Each structure stands twice: as C-alpha cells, then as structure tokens.
Amino acid sequence: MTTDSPTLIWVKSSFSGQGGSCVEWSPEHASATGIVPVRDSKNPAGPTLMVSPSAFAGLVTLARSAEV
C-alpha cells in the first residue's frame, strides 16, 4: 500500500516535530483489520509498511530502547 489513503486516519509518533526520525500509524485500520500500517511522517505520500500487531509492538519496543 502506498500514498495518502483517504480511508486511513493517521496518528503521529509523540516525537514527530522534534527533528527526529518519526513515524505515523493508523490504529483505526489496525483495529478493524488486524494489520498495522506504518509510514514515515516526513513523507506521507511515500510507501506504507503493513505489519502484524506483534511486529508493530516489536518496532515500538525497539524504538523505545534505542538511544536518542
């Protein structure tokens, strides 16, 4: 899936806007389908990574443990 889908409501990472590498995800889509769409918040028209909820949880854990 790519581009800005009008059916997805995107939520930005709490770090977006602070100059770091940030992502957006669509919790509504994840809840409805069991697939978590993730994209670069600085490139919303770019590609979207579609992952399982457990893979997304792993990404969040990795991001939280990374040094900033």
Protein backbone atom coordinates (compact mmCIF):
# COMPACT_ATOMS: atom_id res chain seq x y z
CA MET A 1 0.00 0.00 0.00
CA THR A 2 1.34 3.44 -0.84
CA THR A 3 0.26 7.08 -0.87
CA ASP A 4 -2.13 9.00 1.30
CA SER A 5 -5.20 6.78 1.52
CA PRO A 6 -8.30 8.83 2.32
CA THR A 7 -9.70 5.89 4.30
CA LEU A 8 -6.84 5.85 6.82
CA ILE A 9 -6.66 8.14 9.81
CA TRP A 10 -3.00 8.59 10.73
CA VAL A 11 -1.60 9.21 14.22
CA LYS A 12 1.87 10.70 14.57
CA SER A 13 4.52 9.49 16.96
CA SER A 14 4.86 11.63 20.06
CA PHE A 15 8.37 12.51 18.82
CA SER A 16 7.15 13.90 15.46
CA GLY A 17 8.02 17.53 15.05
CA GLN A 18 11.07 17.28 17.31
CA GLY A 19 13.54 16.79 14.44
CA GLY A 20 13.96 13.03 14.78
CA SER A 21 13.07 10.14 12.53
CA CYS A 22 9.34 9.80 13.12
CA VAL A 23 6.53 7.53 12.05
CA GLU A 24 2.75 7.54 11.80
CA TRP A 25 0.40 4.62 12.15
CA SER A 26 -3.32 4.02 11.75
CA PRO A 27 -4.78 2.49 14.92
CA GLU A 28 -8.31 2.51 13.49
CA HIS A 29 -7.21 0.44 10.49
CA ALA A 30 -5.22 -1.87 12.76
CA SER A 31 -8.24 -2.44 14.97
CA ALA A 32 -10.54 -3.13 12.02
CA THR A 33 -8.22 -5.39 10.01
CA GLY A 34 -5.50 -6.73 12.30
CA ILE A 35 -2.88 -5.14 10.04
CA VAL A 36 -0.92 -2.10 11.24
CA PRO A 37 0.02 0.43 8.54
CA VAL A 38 3.17 2.43 9.34
CA ARG A 39 4.71 5.28 7.33
CA ASP A 40 7.34 8.00 7.53
CA SER A 41 5.68 11.13 8.94
CA LYS A 42 8.02 13.30 6.85
CA ASN A 43 6.96 11.54 3.63
CA PRO A 44 3.21 10.82 3.87
CA ALA A 45 2.95 10.16 0.12
CA GLY A 46 5.71 7.55 0.35
CA PRO A 47 5.41 3.82 0.92
CA THR A 48 3.46 2.29 3.78
CA LEU A 49 4.76 -0.71 5.70
CA MET A 50 1.99 -3.14 6.66
CA VAL A 51 2.85 -5.27 9.71
CA SER A 52 1.16 -7.55 12.20
CA PRO A 53 0.28 -6.17 15.63
CA SER A 54 3.08 -8.25 17.20
CA ALA A 55 5.61 -6.91 14.68
CA PHE A 56 4.43 -3.36 15.41
CA ALA A 57 4.82 -3.98 19.15
CA GLY A 58 8.36 -5.16 18.45
CA LEU A 59 9.10 -1.99 16.49
CA VAL A 60 7.79 0.14 19.34
CA THR A 61 9.89 -1.79 21.87
CA LEU A 62 12.98 -1.37 19.69
CA ALA A 63 12.35 2.35 19.23
CA ARG A 64 11.87 2.88 22.97
CA SER A 65 15.11 1.09 23.77
CA ALA A 66 17.21 2.97 21.18
CA GLU A 67 19.49 5.75 22.28
CA VAL A 68 18.41 9.18 21.11
